[in-house]
Protein backbone atom coordinates (compact mmCIF):
# COMPACT_ATOMS: atom_id res chain seq x y z
CA MET A 1 35.48 62.10 18.49
CA LYS A 2 32.61 63.28 16.45
CA HIS A 3 34.77 63.82 13.75
CA ILE A 4 35.54 60.23 13.39
CA VAL A 5 31.93 59.44 13.57
CA TYR A 6 31.52 61.41 10.61
CA ILE A 7 34.38 60.03 8.83
CA ILE A 8 32.91 56.50 9.13
CA ILE A 9 29.42 57.34 8.21
CA ALA A 10 30.89 59.15 5.14
CA LEU A 11 32.96 56.61 4.33
CA SER A 12 30.35 53.91 4.49
CA ILE A 13 27.57 55.72 2.09
CA LEU A 14 30.62 56.29 -0.49
CA LEU A 15 31.40 52.53 -0.32
CA SER A 16 27.47 52.05 -0.59
CA GLY A 17 27.67 53.37 -3.79
CA CYS A 18 30.39 51.35 -5.50
CA PHE A 19 28.58 48.18 -5.42
CA GLU A 20 25.30 47.06 -6.79
CA GLU A 21 22.61 45.89 -4.26
CA ASP A 22 22.36 42.36 -3.18
CA GLU A 23 19.90 40.55 -5.29
CA ARG A 24 17.38 38.70 -3.58
CA ILE A 25 17.49 35.02 -4.10
CA ILE A 26 14.16 33.25 -4.71
CA PRO A 27 13.74 29.66 -3.53
CA ILE A 28 13.18 27.05 -6.00
CA PRO A 29 9.44 26.03 -4.95
CA ILE A 30 8.63 22.36 -4.24
CA ASN A 31 5.74 20.51 -5.72
CA GLU A 32 5.01 19.25 -2.05
CA ILE A 33 1.90 16.87 -1.77
CA GLU A 34 0.39 15.78 1.81
CA ILE A 35 -1.81 12.63 2.19
CA PRO A 36 -4.38 14.20 4.70
CA ASN A 37 -5.56 10.58 6.07
CA SER A 38 -3.28 8.78 8.36
CA MET A 39 -1.78 5.53 7.28
CA TYR A 40 -2.41 3.78 10.32
CA GLU A 41 -6.48 3.86 10.23
CA TYR A 42 -6.92 4.05 6.42
CA GLN A 43 -6.23 3.13 3.12
CA THR A 44 -5.49 6.43 0.67
CA TYR A 45 -5.95 5.65 -3.23
CA PHE A 46 -4.16 8.43 -5.20
CA ASN A 47 -3.71 9.63 -8.44
CA ILE A 48 -0.42 10.56 -9.61
CA SER A 49 -1.72 12.33 -12.94
CA ASN A 50 -3.86 14.86 -11.77
CA GLN A 51 -2.21 14.35 -8.12
CA SER A 52 -5.28 14.02 -6.23
CA VAL A 53 -6.69 11.47 -3.57
CA VAL A 54 -9.42 9.23 -5.30
CA ALA A 55 -10.63 7.47 -2.58
CA THR A 56 -10.21 6.71 1.36
CA HIS A 57 -11.74 3.94 3.33
CA HIS A 58 -10.57 2.27 6.63
CA TYR A 59 -8.34 -0.59 6.76
CA SER A 60 -10.64 -2.91 8.51
CA ASP A 61 -13.58 -2.30 6.20
CA TRP A 62 -13.09 -5.57 4.36
CA ASP A 63 -11.52 -8.90 4.71
CA LEU A 64 -10.84 -10.77 1.54
CA GLY A 65 -10.72 -9.54 -2.22
CA PHE A 66 -11.84 -11.32 -4.79
CA GLU A 67 -10.55 -10.75 -8.34
CA SER A 68 -12.76 -8.89 -10.55
CA GLY A 69 -10.81 -9.12 -14.05
CA GLU A 70 -12.57 -11.66 -16.80
CA ASN A 71 -10.80 -14.75 -15.91
CA GLY A 72 -10.01 -13.71 -12.25
CA PHE A 73 -10.29 -16.07 -9.68
CA HIS A 74 -7.85 -15.30 -7.03
CA ILE A 75 -8.53 -14.35 -3.47
CA ILE A 76 -6.63 -12.43 -1.24
CA LEU A 77 -6.58 -11.43 1.96
CA ASN A 78 -6.59 -7.73 3.71
CA TYR A 79 -2.84 -6.76 3.89
CA ALA A 80 -3.79 -3.86 6.31
CA ARG A 81 -5.51 -5.75 9.10
CA TYR A 82 -2.56 -8.28 9.67
CA MET A 83 -4.64 -11.82 8.70
CA TYR A 84 -3.49 -15.32 8.33
CA ALA A 85 -4.86 -18.03 6.87
CA GLY A 86 -4.39 -21.73 6.38
CA ASN A 87 -5.76 -24.55 4.46
CA THR A 88 -7.16 -27.29 6.50
CA TYR A 89 -7.35 -29.97 3.39
CA ARG A 90 -10.40 -31.29 4.96
CA THR A 91 -13.90 -30.77 3.46
CA ASP A 92 -16.17 -31.59 6.56
CA PHE A 93 -17.06 -28.17 7.39
CA GLN A 94 -19.13 -28.90 10.58
CA ASN A 95 -16.49 -30.81 12.20
CA ILE A 96 -13.83 -28.48 12.40
CA LYS A 97 -14.22 -26.61 15.84
CA SER A 98 -10.50 -25.58 16.10
CA ASN A 99 -7.50 -24.26 14.19
CA VAL A 100 -6.14 -27.22 12.54
CA ALA A 101 -4.07 -26.01 9.53
CA SER A 102 -0.87 -27.29 9.65
CA THR A 103 0.65 -23.74 8.53
CA MET A 104 -1.06 -20.40 9.02
CA ALA A 105 0.48 -17.32 7.02
CA PHE A 106 -0.19 -13.93 5.29
CA ASP A 107 -0.19 -13.20 1.67
CA ALA A 108 3.15 -12.01 0.12
CA SER A 109 3.86 -8.12 -0.13
CA SER A 110 5.04 -8.61 -3.69
CA GLY A 111 1.76 -9.07 -5.06
CA GLU A 112 2.14 -12.56 -6.69
CA LEU A 113 -1.25 -14.00 -7.55
CA ASP A 114 -0.26 -17.38 -7.91
CA SER A 115 1.01 -17.69 -4.54
CA THR A 116 -1.49 -16.08 -2.36
CA ILE A 117 -2.17 -18.31 0.70
CA LEU A 118 -5.70 -18.93 -0.84
CA ASN A 119 -4.72 -19.55 -4.19
CA ASP A 120 -5.18 -23.79 -4.18
CA TRP A 121 -8.99 -23.23 -3.33
CA ALA A 122 -9.64 -24.29 -6.94
CA ASP A 123 -8.19 -25.79 -10.11
CA PHE A 124 -8.85 -23.41 -12.43
CA THR A 125 -6.16 -24.95 -15.50
CA ASP A 126 -9.03 -25.50 -17.42
CA PRO A 127 -11.06 -22.10 -16.84
CA ALA A 128 -13.99 -23.66 -18.82
CA ASN A 129 -14.32 -26.90 -16.43
CA PRO A 130 -12.84 -25.43 -12.82
CA ILE A 131 -12.08 -27.93 -10.03
CA CYS A 132 -13.08 -26.55 -6.89
CA ASN A 133 -11.96 -28.72 -3.80
CA GLU A 134 -13.94 -27.27 -0.98
CA TYR A 135 -11.19 -26.98 1.30
CA VAL A 136 -11.89 -25.87 4.92
CA TYR A 137 -9.37 -22.49 5.45
CA ILE A 138 -9.46 -21.04 8.59
CA LEU A 139 -9.11 -16.94 8.85
CA ASP A 140 -6.98 -15.11 11.38
CA ARG A 141 -8.87 -11.55 10.75
CA GLY A 142 -5.87 -10.07 12.42
CA LYS A 143 -5.83 -7.28 15.00
CA ASN A 144 -6.41 -3.73 15.42
CA GLU A 145 -3.87 -0.80 16.56
CA GLN A 146 -4.65 -1.27 19.83
CA GLY A 147 -3.80 -5.23 19.45
CA ASP A 148 -7.51 -6.22 20.04
CA GLU A 149 -8.30 -9.57 17.64
CA PHE A 150 -10.88 -9.22 15.23
CA GLY A 151 -11.72 -13.16 15.35
CA ILE A 152 -11.17 -16.53 13.84
CA LYS A 153 -13.24 -17.83 11.03
CA LYS A 154 -13.30 -21.18 8.73
CA ILE A 155 -14.30 -20.56 5.38
CA ILE A 156 -15.21 -22.72 1.78
CA PHE A 157 -14.73 -21.13 -1.00
CA GLU A 158 -17.94 -23.02 -3.12
CA LYS A 159 -17.38 -22.24 -6.75
CA LEU A 160 -17.18 -19.52 -9.26
CA GLU A 161 -19.94 -19.44 -11.67
CA ALA A 162 -21.27 -16.64 -13.57
CA ASP A 163 -18.92 -13.69 -12.43
CA THR A 164 -19.87 -14.81 -8.58
CA PHE A 165 -18.02 -16.36 -5.99
CA TYR A 166 -20.20 -18.62 -3.69
CA ILE A 167 -18.67 -18.93 -0.28
CA HIS A 168 -19.91 -20.65 3.21
CA PHE A 169 -18.38 -19.28 6.51
CA ALA A 170 -18.82 -19.66 10.00
CA ASN A 171 -17.13 -19.16 13.82
CA LEU A 172 -15.16 -22.27 14.93
CA ASP A 173 -18.08 -23.38 16.95
CA ASN A 174 -20.36 -23.01 13.78
CA THR A 175 -22.20 -19.92 14.92
CA GLU A 176 -22.86 -17.22 12.94
CA GLU A 177 -22.94 -19.79 9.90
CA TYR A 178 -23.77 -17.91 6.85
CA TYR A 179 -23.64 -18.52 2.88
CA TYR A 180 -23.23 -15.53 0.48
CA LYS A 181 -22.60 -14.83 -3.17
CA VAL A 182 -20.08 -12.21 -4.19
CA PRO A 183 -20.66 -10.70 -7.58
CA LYS A 184 -17.21 -9.17 -9.17
CA ASP A 185 -17.16 -5.85 -9.61
CA THR A 186 -15.83 -5.67 -12.65
CA ALA A 187 -14.58 -1.68 -12.31
CA SER A 188 -12.02 -2.42 -9.66
CA SER A 189 -9.22 -5.09 -9.57
CA PHE A 190 -10.49 -6.57 -6.26
CA THR A 191 -14.22 -7.06 -5.32
CA LEU A 192 -13.70 -6.14 -1.08
CA PHE A 193 -15.77 -8.45 1.05
CA SER A 194 -16.08 -7.87 5.06
CA LEU A 195 -17.25 -11.13 6.92
CA ASP A 196 -18.83 -8.74 9.54
CA ASN A 197 -22.39 -8.90 9.78
CA GLY A 198 -23.28 -12.22 8.02
CA GLY A 199 -21.15 -10.84 4.80
CA GLU A 200 -21.31 -7.49 3.69
CA MET A 201 -19.56 -5.54 0.70
CA VAL A 202 -19.64 -2.18 2.62
CA VAL A 203 -16.54 -0.55 0.49
CA SER A 204 -14.61 -1.20 -3.05
CA GLU A 205 -11.63 -0.26 -4.42
CA PRO A 206 -12.13 2.99 -6.37
CA ASP A 207 -12.54 1.92 -10.39
CA LYS A 208 -9.25 0.76 -11.34
CA ASP A 209 -8.36 3.33 -14.12
CA THR A 210 -8.74 6.13 -11.27
CA TRP A 211 -5.53 5.33 -9.13
CA HIS A 212 -1.84 4.73 -9.11
CA ILE A 213 -0.62 4.02 -6.02
CA CYS A 214 -2.46 3.29 -2.16
CA PHE A 215 -1.00 4.68 0.85
CA THR A 216 -1.82 1.31 3.26
CA LYS A 217 -0.32 -0.30 5.87
CA TYR A 218 0.40 -4.21 4.88
CA SER A 219 1.74 -7.22 6.33
CA THR A 220 5.50 -8.27 5.07
CA ARG A 221 8.48 -10.35 5.92
CA ILE A 222 11.56 -8.29 7.41
CA PRO A 223 15.18 -9.51 8.18
CA ASP A 224 15.32 -8.89 12.12
CA ASN A 225 18.75 -7.87 14.23
CA ASP A 226 19.88 -11.37 13.41
CA GLY A 227 18.73 -11.37 9.87
CA VAL A 228 15.92 -13.59 10.57
CA LEU A 229 13.07 -13.09 8.50
CA THR A 230 10.03 -11.57 10.94
CA ASP A 231 6.83 -10.78 10.25
CA TYR A 232 5.87 -7.21 10.31
CA LEU A 233 3.45 -4.89 9.90
CA VAL A 234 4.63 -1.60 8.20
CA ARG A 235 3.00 1.53 6.41
CA GLY A 236 3.86 2.01 3.09
CA VAL A 237 3.18 2.54 -0.64
CA PHE A 238 1.39 0.02 -2.91
CA LEU A 239 1.28 0.09 -6.66
CA ASN A 240 -2.18 -0.27 -8.86
CA PRO A 241 -1.45 -3.94 -10.49
CA TYR A 242 -3.84 -2.79 -13.42
CA LYS A 243 -1.75 0.07 -14.29
CA ASN A 244 1.83 -1.73 -15.16
CA ILE A 245 3.82 0.86 -13.49
CA GLU A 246 7.32 0.12 -12.97
CA VAL A 247 9.67 1.45 -10.22
CA ALA A 248 13.18 2.13 -9.92
CA LEU A 249 15.29 3.28 -6.81
CA ASP A 250 17.88 6.04 -7.03
CA THR A 251 19.64 6.52 -3.55
CA VAL A 252 22.96 8.14 -5.18
CA ASN A 253 21.59 11.10 -7.19
CA TYR A 254 19.85 13.56 -5.44
CA PHE A 255 16.18 14.48 -6.28
CA ASP A 256 16.99 17.77 -8.52
CA ASN A 257 20.16 16.16 -10.34
CA ILE A 258 18.00 13.16 -11.75
CA LEU A 259 17.29 13.75 -15.37
CA PRO A 260 15.27 12.11 -17.87
CA GLU A 261 18.12 10.84 -20.07
CA MET A 262 18.95 8.48 -16.83
CA ILE A 263 15.70 6.97 -16.86
CA ALA A 264 16.92 4.40 -19.24
CA ASP A 265 19.90 3.08 -17.03
CA TYR A 266 17.66 2.16 -14.11
CA LEU A 267 16.59 -1.18 -13.07
CA TYR A 268 12.89 -1.72 -12.86
CA SER A 269 10.23 -3.67 -10.40
CA ASP A 270 6.48 -4.07 -10.99
CA LYS A 271 5.90 -5.92 -7.99
CA ARG A 272 2.83 -4.39 -5.57
CA ASP A 273 5.25 -3.12 -2.89
CA ALA A 274 7.90 -1.84 -5.25
CA ILE A 275 8.06 1.57 -3.65
CA GLY A 276 6.94 -0.19 -0.07
CA TYR A 277 7.64 1.17 3.26
CA ASP A 278 11.67 1.55 3.40
CA TRP A 279 11.34 5.51 2.37
CA LYS A 280 11.42 6.02 6.22
CA VAL A 281 13.82 4.63 8.87
CA PHE A 282 13.25 4.51 12.78
CA ASN A 283 15.86 6.02 15.09
CA ASP A 284 15.54 7.58 18.44
CA ASN A 285 11.91 6.42 18.65
CA THR A 286 11.02 9.01 15.70
CA TYR A 287 10.41 8.31 11.97
CA GLN A 288 13.11 10.13 9.88
CA ILE A 289 12.88 10.22 5.79
CA ARG A 290 15.86 9.23 3.89
CA ASP A 291 16.36 11.89 1.84
CA TYR A 292 18.42 10.18 -0.88
CA ASN A 293 15.79 8.02 -1.91
CA THR A 294 14.27 8.80 -5.06
CA TYR A 295 11.60 6.64 -7.09
CA ILE A 296 11.68 7.03 -10.46
CA LEU A 297 8.01 5.92 -11.77
CA LYS A 298 7.62 4.54 -15.36
CA ASN A 299 4.77 4.17 -17.61
CA VAL A 300 2.21 6.29 -15.55
CA ASP A 301 -0.14 6.04 -18.37
CA GLY A 302 2.42 6.61 -20.71
CA LEU A 303 4.17 9.40 -18.87
CA ASP A 304 7.21 9.02 -16.18
CA TYR A 305 7.44 10.74 -12.90
CA LYS A 306 10.43 11.01 -10.24
CA LEU A 307 9.15 10.95 -5.99
CA ARG A 308 10.94 11.79 -3.12
CA PHE A 309 9.39 11.67 0.53
CA THR A 310 9.78 14.65 2.66
CA ALA A 311 7.81 13.85 6.00
CA PHE A 312 5.83 11.12 7.30
CA TYR A 313 4.74 13.77 10.37
CA ASN A 314 1.71 16.21 9.99
CA GLU A 315 1.71 19.96 11.42
CA ALA A 316 0.45 18.79 14.28
CA GLY A 317 3.22 16.19 14.94
CA GLU A 318 0.63 13.07 14.25
CA LYS A 319 2.73 10.11 12.47
CA GLY A 320 1.28 8.12 9.42
CA TYR A 321 0.78 11.51 7.12
CA PRO A 322 3.43 11.47 4.45
CA SER A 323 4.15 13.99 2.47
CA PHE A 324 6.14 13.55 -0.80
CA GLU A 325 7.49 15.71 -4.08
CA LEU A 326 6.61 14.46 -7.55
CA THR A 327 7.77 15.72 -10.66
CA GLU A 328 6.74 14.75 -13.98
CA PHE A 329 9.95 14.38 -16.51
């Protein structure tokens, strides 16, 4: 029996000398980036070129955004607070003591400024002689993550003069009535304003030149199971409108197989929610990443990138912490 063992051992040594040792396969490194702040609580501004977080603030820090460009006059709602607004088409501020707006809605997630809910606060057809309607608007300030309401306000946008917005707001019962001047922060796309404590400018967008995408929750409309458009609060990615970035979605070719010569073949969008929320899906009470969703980002400061999400949970298993792979073409 011992002879058989010796023969087997000898044969194995002999055969091992006939073949080269297997080479170790080194995996291709993935340039995976993690966002350290929860999308359920924070808005995080990210610079693609240097792959870094530029700024972060709590989603509830502001109510209204005032367009800050040289000729900007649009006013947006905080899309992360699930805010609604409606025009009463009345100017008798003191006499409006209930929500008499016929329609309440939020701004479209696509970001078209000419269709915002507060767009008709003034007529700027002749920028040198704007007509301020001084309509009273009702603002439903939305809800927090626990479903608690931030409350209702009424507001008049009185005028825009010398790069300063003049506003007048109060509770529906005329308590906490304030007048406020909101000067444009021209370094930002929008000057952010809070209605808390008589009016506050406690937070601002970062310099418009320093960021490309924002990780945030936002209001949008999605078909339900019956195909009916329904209001939802989702977590996703917005583009910086100042940067003129264009985005295409490839769901056919896997991330590593998308090559520079393919860039010209895609259809692109520059809408604010061109990346949006749909890179994940909710199944079996958990979020799963759509592995074959690759986003082509064109004209990021003159360069092109591809981006693929890899996770929506952090190492502790908490949701709302996205990770993604980002590669320059």
